[in-house]
Amino acid sequence: MLIRVYGTMENRMDKIESQVMPVPPNVLSSFKAGFDAITNQILIILIPIAIDLFIWLGPHLQIKTLLSGFLNSMITSAEFSSIESAGILASSKELINQAAEQLNLFSVLRTIPVGIPSIMSGRSPIEIPAGAPLLVDIKSPLAVALLVLVIILVGLCIGCFYYYMVVQAAFQGKINLREVIRRWPKGTLQVFSLSLALLILFIAITIPASCAISVVALFGLPLGQLAIFLYIGLILWLAFPLVFSAHGIFVNHYNALLSVQRSMLMTRATLPTTALFILLVLLVSEGLNYLWRVPPENSWLTLVGVGGHAFITSALLAASFVYYRDADRWTQVALKLINSNREKQARGM
């Protein structure tokens, strides 16, 4: 009789816990919710479209003279004239000059970890349908550094505003500009802190890693390639838990540190599902990017690619917010239940 009563109570506890546990994160449901949100609030895509049009049709900030002078000084220097590096630099000078021709400092408006999605920042167009864009060659290193810093700060600010709009579209189905503007300054400050912390972490890893790669490369090209491969693997291994490091700032209004902690905890707790979600996001976005780049940069058909890219990336971002919210809730409740069961077991002992 006692065994039967205990079994009934245990079944009731299981039912209660199953009712308390939220629905586990679902990849397909997140994608559907993200695409529905942007479809219902389609005006959001005007922000990434405007950024792409500015990078494409607006003035191009270049550093051709500065970079060319730097390369010439390296080739003609006494240190490089007596070694094979001078020949390598001389042979690749044309390729580097071509890259400098395409370089546009306004491309850094596409900031990370928070920023406006842009297909033109990676494409680096040098032609426009109306002919050639206005080219501005910056010759001062100090001016280049200051401009890049200002452009990055502007990109982060616009990116925060855009992220808050996408969050509202995903969770509320409408845009409340007053609420966005109210939360925008605090969220931007947290994003600045997060970006600075990630930059310091990247530098702290890259500097010793680059020295180690240079030493290993002295023993042969294959070993150098292996060292680079291991370095890339290390970066990916460290970056994966930080994929959602900024999401907590916008979804739950966390500070930067707590948002990073939640991202790391959530990705570990939902590793298979999160890895599948990220893989599908990369496949959809990168796969469609090949389609968006089909029209030449001097054709107005590129506008189709710009609009398509803006819609897809905005929908994927909204899906990531939905997935993060569900995965974070599931992780927190699961941890509470686990800790509760441990406390019960400890009291029972």
Protein backbone atom coordinates (compact mmCIF):
# COMPACT_ATOMS: atom_id res chain seq x y z
CA MET A 1 0.00 0.00 0.00
CA LEU A 2 2.80 2.43 0.92
CA ILE A 3 4.66 1.55 -2.28
CA ARG A 4 1.55 2.33 -4.32
CA VAL A 5 1.02 5.70 -2.60
CA TYR A 6 4.71 6.62 -3.05
CA GLY A 7 4.52 5.68 -6.71
CA THR A 8 1.45 7.86 -7.19
CA MET A 9 3.19 10.87 -5.54
CA GLU A 10 6.26 10.35 -7.66
CA ASN A 11 4.15 10.34 -10.82
CA ARG A 12 2.48 13.57 -9.71
CA MET A 13 5.85 15.19 -9.14
CA ASP A 14 6.94 14.15 -12.62
CA LYS A 15 3.79 15.67 -14.06
CA ILE A 16 4.34 18.93 -12.17
CA GLU A 17 7.95 19.16 -13.33
CA SER A 18 6.92 18.41 -16.91
CA GLN A 19 4.37 21.22 -16.71
CA VAL A 20 6.93 23.65 -15.28
CA MET A 21 9.54 22.90 -17.96
CA PRO A 22 9.11 25.18 -20.98
CA VAL A 23 9.08 23.88 -24.51
CA PRO A 24 12.62 23.02 -25.68
CA PRO A 25 14.02 25.29 -28.41
CA ASN A 26 12.83 24.25 -31.83
CA VAL A 27 14.92 25.19 -34.84
CA LEU A 28 12.17 25.14 -37.46
CA SER A 29 9.73 27.04 -35.23
CA SER A 30 12.37 29.72 -34.66
CA PHE A 31 12.96 30.09 -38.40
CA LYS A 32 9.23 30.35 -39.07
CA ALA A 33 8.73 32.93 -36.33
CA GLY A 34 11.66 35.00 -37.61
CA PHE A 35 10.48 35.08 -41.22
CA ASP A 36 6.89 35.83 -40.15
CA ALA A 37 8.07 38.71 -37.97
CA ILE A 38 9.99 40.44 -40.75
CA THR A 39 7.24 39.78 -43.27
CA ASN A 40 4.76 41.54 -40.99
CA GLN A 41 7.18 44.42 -40.31
CA ILE A 42 8.84 44.63 -43.71
CA LEU A 43 9.91 48.27 -43.25
CA ILE A 44 12.73 47.07 -40.99
CA ILE A 45 14.73 45.98 -44.02
CA LEU A 46 15.01 49.63 -45.12
CA ILE A 47 17.87 50.06 -42.63
CA PRO A 48 20.21 47.42 -44.14
CA ILE A 49 19.13 48.50 -47.63
CA ALA A 50 20.11 52.10 -46.85
CA ILE A 51 23.52 51.00 -45.53
CA ASP A 52 24.19 48.90 -48.63
CA LEU A 53 23.13 51.70 -50.97
CA PHE A 54 25.42 54.12 -49.15
CA ILE A 55 28.41 51.77 -49.38
CA TRP A 56 27.63 51.06 -53.04
CA LEU A 57 26.55 54.43 -54.45
CA GLY A 58 27.98 56.84 -51.90
CA PRO A 59 31.52 58.23 -51.65
CA HIS A 60 34.33 55.70 -51.25
CA LEU A 61 37.01 56.42 -48.67
CA GLN A 62 40.27 54.90 -49.89
CA ILE A 63 43.87 54.66 -48.68
CA LYS A 64 45.58 53.92 -52.02
CA THR A 65 48.35 56.51 -51.67
CA LEU A 66 49.07 55.56 -48.07
CA LEU A 67 49.20 51.84 -48.80
CA SER A 68 51.23 52.27 -51.98
CA GLY A 69 53.81 54.37 -50.17
CA PHE A 70 54.06 51.81 -47.41
CA LEU A 71 54.64 48.98 -49.88
CA ASN A 72 57.26 50.94 -51.81
CA SER A 73 59.14 51.72 -48.63
CA MET A 74 59.14 48.04 -47.68
CA ILE A 75 60.37 46.92 -51.11
CA THR A 76 63.19 49.46 -51.28
CA SER A 77 64.28 49.13 -47.64
CA ALA A 78 67.69 47.62 -46.88
CA GLU A 79 66.15 44.91 -44.73
CA PHE A 80 64.02 43.57 -47.58
CA SER A 81 66.39 44.18 -50.48
CA SER A 82 68.72 41.36 -49.48
CA ILE A 83 66.12 38.65 -48.90
CA GLU A 84 63.48 36.86 -50.92
CA SER A 85 60.70 38.88 -49.31
CA ALA A 86 61.46 41.81 -51.61
CA GLY A 87 60.75 39.68 -54.67
CA ILE A 88 57.55 38.37 -53.15
CA LEU A 89 56.36 41.90 -52.34
CA ALA A 90 57.29 43.19 -55.77
CA SER A 91 55.45 40.39 -57.56
CA SER A 92 52.36 40.83 -55.44
CA LYS A 93 52.36 44.63 -55.58
CA GLU A 94 49.84 44.72 -58.42
CA LEU A 95 47.49 42.41 -56.56
CA ILE A 96 47.76 44.50 -53.40
CA ASN A 97 47.15 47.71 -55.35
CA GLN A 98 44.04 46.16 -56.87
CA ALA A 99 42.80 45.29 -53.39
CA ALA A 100 43.52 48.86 -52.28
CA GLU A 101 41.43 50.08 -55.25
CA GLN A 102 38.42 48.15 -53.92
CA LEU A 103 38.94 49.03 -50.28
CA ASN A 104 36.28 51.35 -48.92
CA LEU A 105 36.59 52.44 -45.30
CA PHE A 106 32.82 52.83 -45.10
CA SER A 107 32.63 49.02 -45.29
CA VAL A 108 33.46 48.87 -41.58
CA LEU A 109 29.94 50.15 -40.94
CA ARG A 110 29.24 46.41 -40.86
CA THR A 111 30.39 45.97 -37.27
CA ILE A 112 30.49 42.89 -35.06
CA PRO A 113 29.18 41.47 -32.78
CA VAL A 114 26.32 43.91 -33.40
CA GLY A 115 25.86 45.60 -36.74
CA ILE A 116 23.77 46.12 -39.83
CA PRO A 117 23.92 43.16 -42.26
CA SER A 118 25.50 44.30 -45.51
CA ILE A 119 26.32 42.44 -48.69
CA MET A 120 28.20 45.40 -50.17
CA SER A 121 30.70 45.54 -47.31
CA GLY A 122 32.05 42.17 -48.39
CA ARG A 123 31.64 42.72 -52.11
CA SER A 124 33.58 46.03 -52.15
CA PRO A 125 32.18 47.40 -55.44
CA ILE A 126 34.22 49.96 -57.40
CA GLU A 127 31.63 50.65 -60.12
CA ILE A 128 28.08 51.96 -60.00
CA PRO A 129 25.36 52.09 -62.68
CA ALA A 130 25.83 55.85 -63.11
CA GLY A 131 29.55 55.48 -63.80
CA ALA A 132 32.10 55.77 -61.03
CA PRO A 133 31.52 56.77 -57.40
CA LEU A 134 33.18 59.72 -55.74
CA LEU A 135 36.63 58.54 -54.61
CA VAL A 136 38.27 60.21 -51.62
CA ASP A 137 41.87 59.14 -50.98
CA ILE A 138 42.90 59.60 -47.33
CA LYS A 139 46.65 60.17 -47.09
CA SER A 140 47.11 60.73 -43.36
CA PRO A 141 47.49 57.67 -41.09
CA LEU A 142 46.03 59.58 -38.17
CA ALA A 143 43.01 60.62 -40.24
CA VAL A 144 42.49 57.00 -41.31
CA ALA A 145 42.61 55.77 -37.72
CA LEU A 146 40.16 58.44 -36.52
CA LEU A 147 37.78 57.83 -39.44
CA VAL A 148 37.77 54.09 -38.89
CA LEU A 149 37.07 54.58 -35.18
CA VAL A 150 34.21 56.99 -35.86
CA ILE A 151 32.70 54.74 -38.55
CA ILE A 152 32.85 51.73 -36.22
CA LEU A 153 31.13 53.66 -33.41
CA VAL A 154 28.43 54.86 -35.81
CA GLY A 155 27.97 51.30 -37.11
CA LEU A 156 27.54 49.95 -33.57
CA CYS A 157 25.01 52.69 -32.72
CA ILE A 158 22.92 52.06 -35.82
CA GLY A 159 23.25 48.32 -35.29
CA CYS A 160 21.86 48.57 -31.75
CA PHE A 161 18.88 50.57 -32.99
CA TYR A 162 18.27 47.99 -35.71
CA TYR A 163 18.57 45.07 -33.26
CA TYR A 164 15.99 46.58 -30.89
CA MET A 165 13.57 46.97 -33.81
CA VAL A 166 14.06 43.35 -34.86
CA VAL A 167 13.52 42.16 -31.28
CA GLN A 168 10.24 44.05 -31.06
CA ALA A 169 9.11 42.67 -34.41
CA ALA A 170 9.95 39.12 -33.29
CA PHE A 171 8.31 39.26 -29.85
CA GLN A 172 5.63 41.95 -30.05
CA GLY A 173 4.69 41.89 -33.72
CA LYS A 174 4.98 45.68 -33.92
CA ILE A 175 7.54 48.47 -33.62
CA ASN A 176 7.38 50.91 -30.70
CA LEU A 177 9.91 53.61 -31.58
CA ARG A 178 9.52 55.32 -28.20
CA GLU A 179 10.52 52.11 -26.43
CA VAL A 180 13.41 51.56 -28.85
CA ILE A 181 14.75 55.08 -28.27
CA ARG A 182 14.39 54.68 -24.49
CA ARG A 183 16.45 51.49 -24.36
CA TRP A 184 18.87 52.45 -27.12
CA PRO A 185 21.49 54.45 -25.08
CA LYS A 186 21.91 51.84 -22.32
CA GLY A 187 22.00 48.97 -24.79
CA THR A 188 24.56 50.77 -26.95
CA LEU A 189 26.81 51.31 -23.94
CA GLN A 190 26.67 47.60 -23.10
CA VAL A 191 27.46 46.72 -26.72
CA PHE A 192 30.48 49.05 -26.65
CA SER A 193 31.72 47.26 -23.53
CA LEU A 194 31.14 43.86 -25.11
CA SER A 195 32.89 44.82 -28.34
CA LEU A 196 35.90 46.19 -26.49
CA ALA A 197 36.16 43.05 -24.35
CA LEU A 198 35.97 40.78 -27.40
CA LEU A 199 38.58 42.88 -29.21
CA ILE A 200 40.98 42.62 -26.26
CA LEU A 201 40.40 38.86 -26.10
CA PHE A 202 41.07 38.51 -29.82
CA ILE A 203 44.30 40.52 -29.60
CA ALA A 204 45.43 38.57 -26.55
CA ILE A 205 45.03 35.33 -28.49
CA THR A 206 46.25 36.52 -31.89
CA ILE A 207 49.57 38.10 -30.87
CA PRO A 208 51.10 35.03 -29.19
CA ALA A 209 49.48 32.74 -31.77
CA SER A 210 51.00 34.68 -34.68
CA CYS A 211 54.43 34.50 -33.04
CA ALA A 212 54.03 30.77 -32.55
CA ILE A 213 52.92 30.30 -36.17
CA SER A 214 55.94 32.25 -37.43
CA VAL A 215 58.31 30.06 -35.40
CA VAL A 216 56.63 26.85 -36.55
CA ALA A 217 56.69 28.03 -40.21
CA LEU A 218 60.50 28.19 -40.05
CA PHE A 219 60.54 24.39 -39.97
CA GLY A 220 58.65 24.11 -43.25
CA LEU A 221 55.52 25.20 -45.10
CA PRO A 222 53.40 22.13 -44.14
CA LEU A 223 54.00 22.75 -40.45
CA GLY A 224 53.14 26.41 -40.91
CA GLN A 225 49.87 25.50 -42.63
CA LEU A 226 49.08 23.05 -39.83
CA ALA A 227 49.72 25.78 -37.25
CA ILE A 228 47.36 28.15 -39.09
CA PHE A 229 44.71 25.42 -39.23
CA LEU A 230 45.05 24.83 -35.48
CA TYR A 231 44.81 28.58 -34.84
CA ILE A 232 41.60 28.84 -36.86
CA GLY A 233 40.21 25.85 -34.98
CA LEU A 234 41.05 27.52 -31.66
CA ILE A 235 39.31 30.73 -32.71
CA LEU A 236 36.19 28.83 -33.77
CA TRP A 237 36.20 26.79 -30.55
CA LEU A 238 36.35 29.98 -28.48
CA ALA A 239 33.87 31.89 -30.65
CA PHE A 240 31.09 29.28 -30.67
CA PRO A 241 29.94 29.83 -27.05
CA LEU A 242 29.97 33.59 -27.72
CA VAL A 243 27.64 33.47 -30.74
CA PHE A 244 24.72 34.75 -28.65
CA SER A 245 26.86 37.01 -26.44
CA ALA A 246 24.98 40.15 -27.52
CA HIS A 247 21.49 38.65 -27.62
CA GLY A 248 20.92 38.87 -23.87
CA ILE A 249 21.46 42.65 -24.01
CA PHE A 250 18.51 43.08 -26.36
CA VAL A 251 16.20 40.24 -25.32
CA ASN A 252 16.53 40.27 -21.51
CA HIS A 253 18.28 43.65 -21.04
CA TYR A 254 21.31 42.07 -19.38
CA ASN A 255 24.62 43.82 -18.95
CA ALA A 256 27.49 42.71 -21.18
CA LEU A 257 29.07 40.34 -18.63
CA LEU A 258 25.83 38.56 -17.75
CA SER A 259 24.91 38.31 -21.43
CA VAL A 260 28.21 36.56 -22.18
CA GLN A 261 27.75 34.19 -19.24
CA ARG A 262 24.23 33.27 -20.35
CA SER A 263 25.42 32.71 -23.92
CA MET A 264 28.15 30.32 -22.80
CA LEU A 265 25.80 28.46 -20.47
CA MET A 266 23.03 28.20 -23.04
CA THR A 267 25.24 26.97 -25.88
CA ARG A 268 26.74 24.25 -23.68
CA ALA A 269 23.34 23.10 -22.42
CA THR A 270 21.80 22.99 -25.92
CA LEU A 271 24.91 22.15 -27.92
CA PRO A 272 23.45 19.82 -30.61
CA THR A 273 20.39 21.98 -31.30
CA THR A 274 22.35 25.23 -31.20
CA ALA A 275 25.01 23.84 -33.55
CA LEU A 276 22.27 22.77 -35.98
CA PHE A 277 20.64 26.20 -35.80
CA ILE A 278 23.90 28.04 -36.50
CA LEU A 279 24.74 25.65 -39.33
CA LEU A 280 21.38 26.25 -41.00
CA VAL A 281 21.75 30.02 -40.61
CA LEU A 282 25.16 29.90 -42.30
CA LEU A 283 23.90 27.67 -45.10
CA VAL A 284 20.90 29.88 -45.84
CA SER A 285 22.72 33.21 -45.63
CA GLU A 286 25.94 32.23 -47.41
CA GLY A 287 24.14 30.09 -49.98
CA LEU A 288 21.80 32.90 -50.99
CA ASN A 289 24.67 35.38 -51.05
CA TYR A 290 25.89 33.67 -54.21
CA LEU A 291 22.50 34.45 -55.77
CA TRP A 292 22.50 38.07 -54.60
CA ARG A 293 25.96 38.60 -56.15
CA VAL A 294 24.96 37.39 -59.62
CA PRO A 295 24.06 40.85 -61.03
CA PRO A 296 27.16 42.95 -61.80
CA GLU A 297 27.88 45.89 -59.54
CA ASN A 298 27.33 48.38 -62.38
CA SER A 299 23.79 47.12 -63.01
CA TRP A 300 20.61 48.34 -61.31
CA LEU A 301 19.62 44.66 -61.00
CA THR A 302 21.95 44.62 -58.00
CA LEU A 303 19.09 46.33 -56.15
CA VAL A 304 17.28 42.97 -56.21
CA GLY A 305 20.22 41.36 -54.45
CA VAL A 306 20.42 44.19 -51.92
CA GLY A 307 16.71 43.87 -51.07
CA GLY A 308 16.79 40.07 -50.95
CA HIS A 309 19.85 40.06 -48.71
CA ALA A 310 18.27 42.62 -46.37
CA PHE A 311 15.11 40.54 -45.99
CA ILE A 312 16.83 37.18 -45.48
CA THR A 313 19.41 38.43 -42.99
CA SER A 314 16.80 40.37 -41.02
CA ALA A 315 14.59 37.27 -40.85
CA LEU A 316 17.53 35.11 -39.74
CA LEU A 317 18.39 37.66 -37.06
CA ALA A 318 14.80 37.63 -35.80
CA ALA A 319 14.90 33.82 -35.79
CA SER A 320 18.08 33.92 -33.71
CA PHE A 321 16.37 36.12 -31.11
CA VAL A 322 13.42 33.72 -30.92
CA TYR A 323 15.74 30.73 -30.61
CA TYR A 324 17.84 32.46 -27.95
CA ARG A 325 14.78 33.35 -25.86
CA ASP A 326 13.44 29.78 -25.93
CA ALA A 327 16.84 28.16 -25.35
CA ASP A 328 17.71 30.53 -22.51
CA ARG A 329 14.39 29.92 -20.74
CA TRP A 330 14.70 26.17 -21.15
CA THR A 331 18.27 26.21 -19.82
CA GLN A 332 17.42 28.28 -16.74
CA VAL A 333 14.41 26.16 -15.79
CA ALA A 334 16.34 22.95 -16.39
CA LEU A 335 19.15 24.15 -14.13
CA LYS A 336 16.66 25.09 -11.40
CA LEU A 337 15.07 21.62 -11.56
CA ILE A 338 18.47 19.94 -11.47
CA ASN A 339 19.55 21.99 -8.45
CA SER A 340 16.21 21.32 -6.77
CA ASN A 341 16.59 17.57 -7.27
CA ARG A 342 20.12 17.70 -5.89
CA GLU A 343 18.90 19.52 -2.79
CA LYS A 344 16.14 16.94 -2.30
CA GLN A 345 18.61 14.12 -2.66
CA ALA A 346 20.96 15.80 -0.19
CA ARG A 347 18.18 16.20 2.36
CA GLY A 348 17.10 12.63 1.80
CA MET A 349 20.62 11.41 2.53
